[in-house]
Amino acid sequence: MLEKSPKCRTALSKLLLIQWFKLSDSELHTKVQELVEERAKVERRKEYLQMKAALRGNKFINDEGKVVVMNCKINEDIRNDLL
């Protein structure tokens, strides 16, 4: 579509076959919102893992981003699931 030469541009009939061009305004809005939310989720997870990697021992960061010090007597399996 952005080609200067008309010969190199994709035909409009082919462009209209792309799924994005077939969506209604509300469907397109929903799809874009889903993509934005998914990207935000990935970014939050990345930040969480970076903060978690910076901690050691019996500390971890909960879903609210707060540092939690775990009791050393917690079952090892549960502790591993949390970390």
N, C-alpha and C. Protein backbone atom coordinates (compact mmCIF):
# COMPACT_ATOMS: atom_id res chain seq x y z
N MET A 1 0.81 -1.19 0.00
CA MET A 1 0.00 0.00 0.00
C MET A 1 0.86 1.26 0.00
N LEU A 2 2.06 1.17 0.56
CA LEU A 2 2.91 2.36 0.67
C LEU A 2 3.94 2.45 -0.44
N GLU A 3 3.86 1.56 -1.41
CA GLU A 3 4.79 1.59 -2.53
C GLU A 3 4.54 2.81 -3.41
N LYS A 4 5.61 3.47 -3.85
CA LYS A 4 5.45 4.63 -4.73
C LYS A 4 4.95 4.22 -6.10
N SER A 5 5.48 3.13 -6.59
CA SER A 5 5.11 2.67 -7.91
C SER A 5 3.80 1.89 -7.87
N PRO A 6 2.81 2.28 -8.65
CA PRO A 6 1.53 1.56 -8.66
C PRO A 6 1.68 0.09 -9.07
N LYS A 7 2.68 -0.20 -9.88
CA LYS A 7 2.89 -1.58 -10.34
C LYS A 7 3.32 -2.49 -9.18
N CYS A 8 3.99 -1.93 -8.19
CA CYS A 8 4.49 -2.71 -7.06
C CYS A 8 3.48 -2.83 -5.92
N ARG A 9 2.44 -2.04 -5.95
CA ARG A 9 1.44 -2.07 -4.88
C ARG A 9 0.56 -3.30 -4.97
N THR A 10 0.11 -3.77 -3.81
CA THR A 10 -0.84 -4.87 -3.76
C THR A 10 -2.20 -4.36 -4.22
N ALA A 11 -2.87 -5.16 -5.00
CA ALA A 11 -4.19 -4.76 -5.51
C ALA A 11 -5.19 -4.63 -4.37
N LEU A 12 -6.09 -3.67 -4.50
CA LEU A 12 -7.11 -3.43 -3.48
C LEU A 12 -7.95 -4.68 -3.26
N SER A 13 -8.25 -5.40 -4.30
CA SER A 13 -9.07 -6.62 -4.16
C SER A 13 -8.37 -7.65 -3.28
N LYS A 14 -7.05 -7.73 -3.34
CA LYS A 14 -6.30 -8.65 -2.48
C LYS A 14 -6.25 -8.14 -1.05
N LEU A 15 -6.12 -6.84 -0.89
CA LEU A 15 -6.09 -6.27 0.46
C LEU A 15 -7.40 -6.51 1.21
N LEU A 16 -8.50 -6.42 0.49
CA LEU A 16 -9.81 -6.60 1.13
C LEU A 16 -10.06 -8.03 1.56
N LEU A 17 -9.23 -8.96 1.13
CA LEU A 17 -9.35 -10.36 1.56
C LEU A 17 -8.68 -10.61 2.92
N ILE A 18 -7.89 -9.66 3.38
CA ILE A 18 -7.21 -9.79 4.67
C ILE A 18 -8.26 -9.70 5.78
N GLN A 19 -8.11 -10.58 6.78
CA GLN A 19 -9.10 -10.69 7.86
C GLN A 19 -9.39 -9.35 8.54
N TRP A 20 -8.38 -8.52 8.76
CA TRP A 20 -8.57 -7.26 9.47
C TRP A 20 -9.54 -6.34 8.74
N PHE A 21 -9.56 -6.41 7.43
CA PHE A 21 -10.45 -5.56 6.66
C PHE A 21 -11.89 -6.08 6.64
N LYS A 22 -12.08 -7.31 7.10
CA LYS A 22 -13.41 -7.91 7.12
C LYS A 22 -14.15 -7.66 8.43
N LEU A 23 -13.44 -7.18 9.44
CA LEU A 23 -14.03 -6.98 10.76
C LEU A 23 -14.88 -5.71 10.79
N SER A 24 -15.96 -5.78 11.57
CA SER A 24 -16.76 -4.57 11.80
C SER A 24 -15.99 -3.67 12.77
N ASP A 25 -16.45 -2.45 12.93
CA ASP A 25 -15.79 -1.52 13.85
C ASP A 25 -15.72 -2.08 15.27
N SER A 26 -16.82 -2.66 15.74
CA SER A 26 -16.84 -3.18 17.11
C SER A 26 -15.93 -4.40 17.25
N GLU A 27 -15.90 -5.26 16.21
CA GLU A 27 -15.01 -6.43 16.25
C GLU A 27 -13.55 -6.00 16.23
N LEU A 28 -13.25 -5.01 15.42
CA LEU A 28 -11.89 -4.49 15.34
C LEU A 28 -11.47 -3.88 16.68
N HIS A 29 -12.36 -3.11 17.27
CA HIS A 29 -12.07 -2.51 18.58
C HIS A 29 -11.79 -3.60 19.61
N THR A 30 -12.61 -4.65 19.62
CA THR A 30 -12.43 -5.76 20.56
C THR A 30 -11.09 -6.45 20.34
N LYS A 31 -10.74 -6.73 19.09
CA LYS A 31 -9.48 -7.40 18.77
C LYS A 31 -8.28 -6.56 19.21
N VAL A 32 -8.33 -5.27 18.92
CA VAL A 32 -7.24 -4.38 19.30
C VAL A 32 -7.12 -4.32 20.82
N GLN A 33 -8.24 -4.25 21.51
CA GLN A 33 -8.23 -4.21 22.98
C GLN A 33 -7.63 -5.50 23.54
N GLU A 34 -7.96 -6.64 22.94
CA GLU A 34 -7.40 -7.92 23.38
C GLU A 34 -5.88 -7.94 23.20
N LEU A 35 -5.41 -7.42 22.08
CA LEU A 35 -3.97 -7.37 21.83
C LEU A 35 -3.26 -6.46 22.81
N VAL A 36 -3.87 -5.31 23.11
CA VAL A 36 -3.29 -4.36 24.07
C VAL A 36 -3.22 -5.00 25.46
N GLU A 37 -4.30 -5.67 25.87
CA GLU A 37 -4.33 -6.32 27.19
C GLU A 37 -3.31 -7.45 27.27
N GLU A 38 -3.18 -8.22 26.21
CA GLU A 38 -2.21 -9.32 26.19
C GLU A 38 -0.79 -8.78 26.30
N ARG A 39 -0.52 -7.70 25.58
CA ARG A 39 0.81 -7.09 25.64
C ARG A 39 1.10 -6.56 27.05
N ALA A 40 0.12 -5.94 27.67
CA ALA A 40 0.28 -5.42 29.03
C ALA A 40 0.53 -6.57 30.00
N LYS A 41 -0.16 -7.67 29.80
CA LYS A 41 0.02 -8.85 30.65
C LYS A 41 1.44 -9.39 30.53
N VAL A 42 1.94 -9.45 29.32
CA VAL A 42 3.31 -9.93 29.08
C VAL A 42 4.31 -8.99 29.76
N GLU A 43 4.10 -7.69 29.64
CA GLU A 43 5.00 -6.72 30.26
C GLU A 43 4.98 -6.83 31.78
N ARG A 44 3.77 -6.98 32.36
CA ARG A 44 3.68 -7.13 33.83
C ARG A 44 4.40 -8.39 34.28
N ARG A 45 4.24 -9.47 33.54
CA ARG A 45 4.90 -10.73 33.88
C ARG A 45 6.42 -10.58 33.79
N LYS A 46 6.89 -9.88 32.77
CA LYS A 46 8.32 -9.65 32.59
C LYS A 46 8.88 -8.85 33.78
N GLU A 47 8.19 -7.79 34.16
CA GLU A 47 8.62 -6.99 35.30
C GLU A 47 8.62 -7.81 36.58
N TYR A 48 7.59 -8.63 36.75
CA TYR A 48 7.49 -9.50 37.92
C TYR A 48 8.68 -10.44 37.99
N LEU A 49 9.01 -11.07 36.86
CA LEU A 49 10.12 -12.02 36.85
C LEU A 49 11.46 -11.33 37.09
N GLN A 50 11.60 -10.10 36.59
CA GLN A 50 12.83 -9.36 36.84
C GLN A 50 12.98 -9.03 38.31
N MET A 51 11.90 -8.62 38.95
CA MET A 51 11.95 -8.30 40.38
C MET A 51 12.20 -9.58 41.18
N LYS A 52 11.55 -10.66 40.79
CA LYS A 52 11.71 -11.93 41.49
C LYS A 52 13.16 -12.42 41.39
N ALA A 53 13.75 -12.24 40.21
CA ALA A 53 15.13 -12.69 40.02
C ALA A 53 16.10 -11.92 40.91
N ALA A 54 15.73 -10.70 41.27
CA ALA A 54 16.59 -9.88 42.11
C ALA A 54 16.54 -10.29 43.58
N LEU A 55 15.54 -11.06 43.94
CA LEU A 55 15.38 -11.48 45.34
C LEU A 55 16.07 -12.82 45.58
N ARG A 56 16.41 -13.09 46.83
CA ARG A 56 17.08 -14.35 47.17
C ARG A 56 16.46 -14.95 48.42
N GLY A 57 16.80 -16.22 48.61
CA GLY A 57 16.41 -16.89 49.84
C GLY A 57 14.92 -17.12 49.95
N ASN A 58 14.36 -16.71 51.06
CA ASN A 58 12.96 -16.98 51.34
C ASN A 58 12.07 -15.79 51.02
N LYS A 59 12.49 -14.95 50.10
CA LYS A 59 11.70 -13.79 49.72
C LYS A 59 11.15 -13.98 48.31
N PHE A 60 9.96 -13.47 48.09
CA PHE A 60 9.41 -13.44 46.75
C PHE A 60 8.46 -12.26 46.64
N ILE A 61 8.05 -11.97 45.42
CA ILE A 61 7.14 -10.85 45.18
C ILE A 61 5.77 -11.43 44.84
N ASN A 62 4.75 -11.00 45.57
CA ASN A 62 3.41 -11.52 45.31
C ASN A 62 2.78 -10.82 44.11
N ASP A 63 1.53 -11.20 43.80
CA ASP A 63 0.85 -10.64 42.63
C ASP A 63 0.64 -9.12 42.71
N GLU A 64 0.68 -8.59 43.91
CA GLU A 64 0.50 -7.15 44.09
C GLU A 64 1.82 -6.40 44.00
N GLY A 65 2.93 -7.15 43.78
CA GLY A 65 4.23 -6.52 43.66
C GLY A 65 4.92 -6.26 45.00
N LYS A 66 4.38 -6.84 46.06
CA LYS A 66 4.96 -6.64 47.39
C LYS A 66 5.92 -7.78 47.73
N VAL A 67 7.02 -7.44 48.41
CA VAL A 67 7.98 -8.45 48.83
C VAL A 67 7.43 -9.18 50.04
N VAL A 68 7.44 -10.50 49.97
CA VAL A 68 6.94 -11.33 51.06
C VAL A 68 8.07 -12.22 51.55
N VAL A 69 8.26 -12.26 52.85
CA VAL A 69 9.26 -13.15 53.45
C VAL A 69 8.53 -14.40 53.91
N MET A 70 8.95 -15.53 53.39
CA MET A 70 8.26 -16.78 53.71
C MET A 70 8.84 -17.42 54.96
N ASN A 71 8.01 -18.13 55.64
CA ASN A 71 8.42 -18.90 56.80
C ASN A 71 9.30 -20.05 56.31
N CYS A 72 10.44 -20.25 56.96
CA CYS A 72 11.37 -21.30 56.54
C CYS A 72 10.79 -22.70 56.70
N LYS A 73 9.73 -22.84 57.48
CA LYS A 73 9.15 -24.15 57.73
C LYS A 73 8.10 -24.55 56.69
N ILE A 74 7.86 -23.70 55.70
CA ILE A 74 6.87 -24.02 54.67
C ILE A 74 7.34 -25.24 53.90
N ASN A 75 6.39 -26.09 53.60
CA ASN A 75 6.69 -27.28 52.82
C ASN A 75 7.44 -26.90 51.55
N GLU A 76 8.51 -27.63 51.23
CA GLU A 76 9.37 -27.30 50.08
C GLU A 76 8.60 -27.27 48.77
N ASP A 77 7.63 -28.19 48.59
CA ASP A 77 6.85 -28.24 47.34
C ASP A 77 6.03 -26.96 47.19
N ILE A 78 5.38 -26.53 48.27
CA ILE A 78 4.58 -25.31 48.23
C ILE A 78 5.47 -24.12 47.96
N ARG A 79 6.61 -24.08 48.62
CA ARG A 79 7.55 -22.96 48.43
C ARG A 79 7.99 -22.88 46.97
N ASN A 80 8.31 -24.02 46.37
CA ASN A 80 8.74 -24.03 44.97
C ASN A 80 7.62 -23.58 44.04
N ASP A 81 6.39 -23.96 44.35
CA ASP A 81 5.25 -23.53 43.53
C ASP A 81 5.09 -22.02 43.58
N LEU A 82 5.31 -21.43 44.75
CA LEU A 82 5.17 -19.99 44.90
C LEU A 82 6.29 -19.24 44.20
N LEU A 83 7.46 -19.81 44.19
CA LEU A 83 8.62 -19.15 43.58
C LEU A 83 8.69 -19.54 42.13
